[in-house]
Structures are given as C-alpha cells and as structure tokens.
C-alpha atoms as a PDB file:
ATOM      1  CA  MET A   1      29.741 -18.509 -13.142  1.00  0.00           C
ATOM      2  CA  ALA A   2      27.572 -19.477 -16.067  1.00  0.00           C
ATOM      3  CA  HIS A   3      24.172 -17.887 -16.626  1.00  0.00           C
ATOM      4  CA  GLN A   4      21.284 -19.888 -17.968  1.00  0.00           C
ATOM      5  CA  ARG A   5      19.867 -18.675 -21.193  1.00  0.00           C
ATOM      6  CA  GLY A   6      17.021 -16.155 -20.605  1.00  0.00           C
ATOM      7  CA  GLU A   7      18.268 -14.924 -17.206  1.00  0.00           C
ATOM      8  CA  ARG A   8      20.551 -12.227 -18.559  1.00  0.00           C
ATOM      9  CA  GLY A   9      19.443  -8.778 -17.450  1.00  0.00           C
ATOM     10  CA  GLN A  10      16.900 -10.095 -14.959  1.00  0.00           C
ATOM     11  CA  ALA A  11      18.439  -8.104 -12.089  1.00  0.00           C
ATOM     12  CA  SER A  12      18.158  -4.899 -14.131  1.00  0.00           C
ATOM     13  CA  VAL A  13      14.499  -5.570 -14.875  1.00  0.00           C
ATOM     14  CA  GLU A  14      13.790  -6.283 -11.200  1.00  0.00           C
ATOM     15  CA  LEU A  15      15.541  -3.081 -10.177  1.00  0.00           C
ATOM     16  CA  ILE A  16      13.547  -1.012 -12.646  1.00  0.00           C
ATOM     17  CA  ALA A  17      10.347  -2.640 -11.412  1.00  0.00           C
ATOM     18  CA  ALA A  18      11.237  -1.757  -7.789  1.00  0.00           C
ATOM     19  CA  LEU A  19      12.112   1.908  -8.470  1.00  0.00           C
ATOM     20  CA  PRO A  20       8.510   3.229  -8.384  1.00  0.00           C
ATOM     21  CA  ALA A  21       7.928   1.535  -5.027  1.00  0.00           C
ATOM     22  CA  LEU A  22      11.180   2.969  -3.685  1.00  0.00           C
ATOM     23  CA  ALA A  23      10.211   6.447  -4.913  1.00  0.00           C
ATOM     24  CA  LEU A  24       6.784   6.152  -3.274  1.00  0.00           C
ATOM     25  CA  VAL A  25       8.269   5.079   0.062  1.00  0.00           C
ATOM     26  CA  THR A  26      10.774   7.952  -0.089  1.00  0.00           C
ATOM     27  CA  LEU A  27       8.019  10.458  -0.885  1.00  0.00           C
ATOM     28  CA  LEU A  28       5.875   9.138   1.980  1.00  0.00           C
ATOM     29  CA  ALA A  29       8.786   9.385   4.413  1.00  0.00           C
ATOM     30  CA  ALA A  30       9.543  12.946   3.309  1.00  0.00           C
ATOM     31  CA  GLN A  31       5.855  13.897   3.722  1.00  0.00           C
ATOM     32  CA  LEU A  32       5.908  12.492   7.267  1.00  0.00           C
ATOM     33  CA  VAL A  33       9.014  14.541   8.010  1.00  0.00           C
ATOM     34  CA  LEU A  34       7.204  17.670   6.779  1.00  0.00           C
ATOM     35  CA  ALA A  35       4.218  16.870   9.008  1.00  0.00           C
ATOM     36  CA  GLY A  36       6.559  16.531  11.985  1.00  0.00           C
ATOM     37  CA  TYR A  37       8.229  19.811  11.077  1.00  0.00           C
ATOM     38  CA  ALA A  38       4.838  21.549  10.920  1.00  0.00           C
ATOM     39  CA  LEU A  39       3.775  20.115  14.282  1.00  0.00           C
ATOM     40  CA  TRP A  40       7.092  21.051  15.898  1.00  0.00           C
ATOM     41  CA  SER A  41       6.875  24.587  14.519  1.00  0.00           C
ATOM     42  CA  ALA A  42       3.281  24.946  15.731  1.00  0.00           C
ATOM     43  CA  GLY A  43       4.387  23.864  19.208  1.00  0.00           C
ATOM     44  CA  VAL A  44       7.201  26.403  19.253  1.00  0.00           C
ATOM     45  CA  ALA A  45       4.774  29.110  18.108  1.00  0.00           C
ATOM     46  CA  ALA A  46       2.212  28.161  20.773  1.00  0.00           C
ATOM     47  CA  ARG A  47       4.859  28.379  23.503  1.00  0.00           C
ATOM     48  CA  ALA A  48       6.092  31.737  22.152  1.00  0.00           C
ATOM     49  CA  GLY A  49       2.539  33.077  22.182  1.00  0.00           C
ATOM     50  CA  ALA A  50       1.956  31.797  25.722  1.00  0.00           C
ATOM     51  CA  ARG A  51       5.165  33.470  26.899  1.00  0.00           C
ATOM     52  CA  ALA A  52       4.096  36.742  25.271  1.00  0.00           C
ATOM     53  CA  ALA A  53       0.691  36.548  26.956  1.00  0.00           C
ATOM     54  CA  TYR A  54       2.370  35.844  30.294  1.00  0.00           C
ATOM     55  CA  VAL A  55       4.371  39.075  30.131  1.00  0.00           C
ATOM     56  CA  GLY A  56       1.452  41.141  28.836  1.00  0.00           C
ATOM     57  CA  GLY A  57       2.195  41.044  25.109  1.00  0.00           C
ATOM     58  CA  HIS A  58       0.002  40.069  22.179  1.00  0.00           C
ATOM     59  CA  ALA A  59      -0.086  36.273  22.073  1.00  0.00           C
ATOM     60  CA  GLY A  60      -1.394  35.937  18.517  1.00  0.00           C
ATOM     61  CA  ARG A  61       1.189  38.213  16.958  1.00  0.00           C
ATOM     62  CA  ALA A  62       4.029  36.556  18.865  1.00  0.00           C
ATOM     63  CA  ALA A  63       2.860  33.082  17.834  1.00  0.00           C
ATOM     64  CA  LEU A  64       2.529  34.000  14.159  1.00  0.00           C
ATOM     65  CA  ALA A  65       5.860  35.824  14.148  1.00  0.00           C
ATOM     66  CA  SER A  66       7.654  32.730  15.451  1.00  0.00           C
ATOM     67  CA  LEU A  67       6.312  30.501  12.659  1.00  0.00           C
ATOM     68  CA  PRO A  68       8.419  29.905   9.546  1.00  0.00           C
ATOM     69  CA  SER A  69       7.137  31.917   6.586  1.00  0.00           C
ATOM     70  CA  ALA A  70       6.104  28.761   4.711  1.00  0.00           C
ATOM     71  CA  LEU A  71       3.626  27.900   7.481  1.00  0.00           C
ATOM     72  CA  ARG A  72       2.505  31.417   8.413  1.00  0.00           C
ATOM     73  CA  ASP A  73       0.041  32.015   5.552  1.00  0.00           C
ATOM     74  CA  ASP A  74      -2.536  29.382   6.526  1.00  0.00           C
ATOM     75  CA  ALA A  75      -1.913  29.523  10.279  1.00  0.00           C
ATOM     76  CA  SER A  76      -4.525  30.392  12.852  1.00  0.00           C
ATOM     77  CA  VAL A  77      -4.206  31.184  16.542  1.00  0.00           C
ATOM     78  CA  ASP A  78      -6.937  30.565  19.107  1.00  0.00           C
ATOM     79  CA  ALA A  79      -6.474  32.046  22.568  1.00  0.00           C
ATOM     80  CA  GLY A  80      -9.415  30.262  24.193  1.00  0.00           C
ATOM     81  CA  ASP A  81      -8.423  27.701  26.814  1.00  0.00           C
ATOM     82  CA  GLY A  82      -4.667  28.140  26.624  1.00  0.00           C
ATOM     83  CA  LEU A  83      -3.195  29.008  23.249  1.00  0.00           C
ATOM     84  CA  ALA A  84      -3.699  26.827  20.172  1.00  0.00           C
ATOM     85  CA  VAL A  85      -1.778  27.258  16.929  1.00  0.00           C
ATOM     86  CA  ARG A  86      -3.075  25.460  13.850  1.00  0.00           C
ATOM     87  CA  VAL A  87      -0.993  25.133  10.672  1.00  0.00           C
ATOM     88  CA  ARG A  88      -1.366  23.154   7.471  1.00  0.00           C
ATOM     89  CA  THR A  89       1.444  20.799   6.501  1.00  0.00           C
ATOM     90  CA  PRO A  90       3.120  21.563   3.178  1.00  0.00           C
ATOM     91  CA  SER A  91       2.406  18.968   0.493  1.00  0.00           C
ATOM     92  CA  LEU A  92       5.101  17.493  -1.705  1.00  0.00           C
ATOM     93  CA  VAL A  93       2.614  16.312  -4.308  1.00  0.00           C
ATOM     94  CA  PRO A  94       0.414  18.975  -5.884  1.00  0.00           C
ATOM     95  CA  GLY A  95      -3.249  18.175  -5.496  1.00  0.00           C
ATOM     96  CA  LEU A  96      -2.912  16.219  -2.268  1.00  0.00           C
ATOM     97  CA  PRO A  97      -4.787  17.736   0.663  1.00  0.00           C
ATOM     98  CA  ARG A  98      -2.765  19.643   3.221  1.00  0.00           C
ATOM     99  CA  VAL A  99      -3.353  18.132   6.648  1.00  0.00           C
ATOM    100  CA  ALA A 100      -3.898  20.550   9.523  1.00  0.00           C
ATOM    101  CA  VAL A 101      -2.009  20.014  12.777  1.00  0.00           C
ATOM    102  CA  THR A 102      -2.627  21.838  16.040  1.00  0.00           C
ATOM    103  CA  ALA A 103      -0.346  22.442  19.002  1.00  0.00           C
ATOM    104  CA  ARG A 104      -1.461  23.869  22.340  1.00  0.00           C
ATOM    105  CA  ALA A 105       0.303  25.642  25.159  1.00  0.00           C
ATOM    106  CA  GLY A 106      -1.142  26.883  28.395  1.00  0.00           C
ATOM    107  CA  LEU A 107      -0.005  28.974  31.287  1.00  0.00           C
ATOM    108  CA  ARG A 108       0.145  27.527  34.731  1.00  0.00           C
ATOM    109  CA  VAL A 109       0.479  30.038  37.501  1.00  0.00           C
ATOM    110  CA  GLU A 110       2.504  28.461  40.254  1.00  0.00           C
ATOM    111  CA  GLY A 111       2.395  29.422  43.867  1.00  0.00           C
ATOM    112  CA  GLY A 112      -0.494  31.604  44.890  1.00  0.00           C
ATOM    113  CA  GLY A 113      -2.709  30.310  47.662  1.00  0.00           C
ATOM    114  CA  GLY A 114      -2.873  27.100  49.631  1.00  0.00           C
ATOM    115  CA  GLY A 115      -0.485  25.856  51.937  1.00  0.00           C
END
C-alpha cells in the first residue's frame, strides 16, 4: 500500500494529540470512582453508627471507627434526625476542591402499638 507524500507519521501525530484528552478522561473517571467510594464508605459508617445507637452504644464513635483512615480526618457525624455522616472525597489533583458527600441512616422501630 503506497503512502502519499506528506502523510507519513500522521497516525503518530494524531495519537500524540489525543493523549492529553485520554489522560483527562481517565483522571475524571478515577475521580468519580473515588467519589463513589467516599459515598459508599459514608453509608457504611452511618449504618454502623445507627446499629451502635440501637444497642445503646456511642453512635459517633462507631461511625468514625468504621470509616477508612483516609476519610476519617475530615469526617463529621450528626446524630440529629437519624444519623448523618459527612466525608470529603479525596482529590487526585492537588489544588482541586474536595467535594463533601453525606450519607444518612435512621432507625425504624418496628412493631409497638397499633393493630
């Protein structure tokens, strides 16, 4: 297959031009995965805190203890209406803001009155 003059290496140039876009898409996807991880971990912590409160334990300590250490530093627990755990997502790019995500868990007492 004969190449026309001036087209040699065009595929290499196009690939090099596409690499920054590919890196940006990969970085964005990885950041979204980290946000999902933070939200999932906050949900697990909220449920652990709610279970601890249900059996008479300290909800805040149980929630914080169930968080991964990377999320524990900036975490906060609110035991108002139900139990809310707020964590900040880790950032892959220094300087970008860390988005806060919140998960809630409540206790429903079943049975009781009524009939």
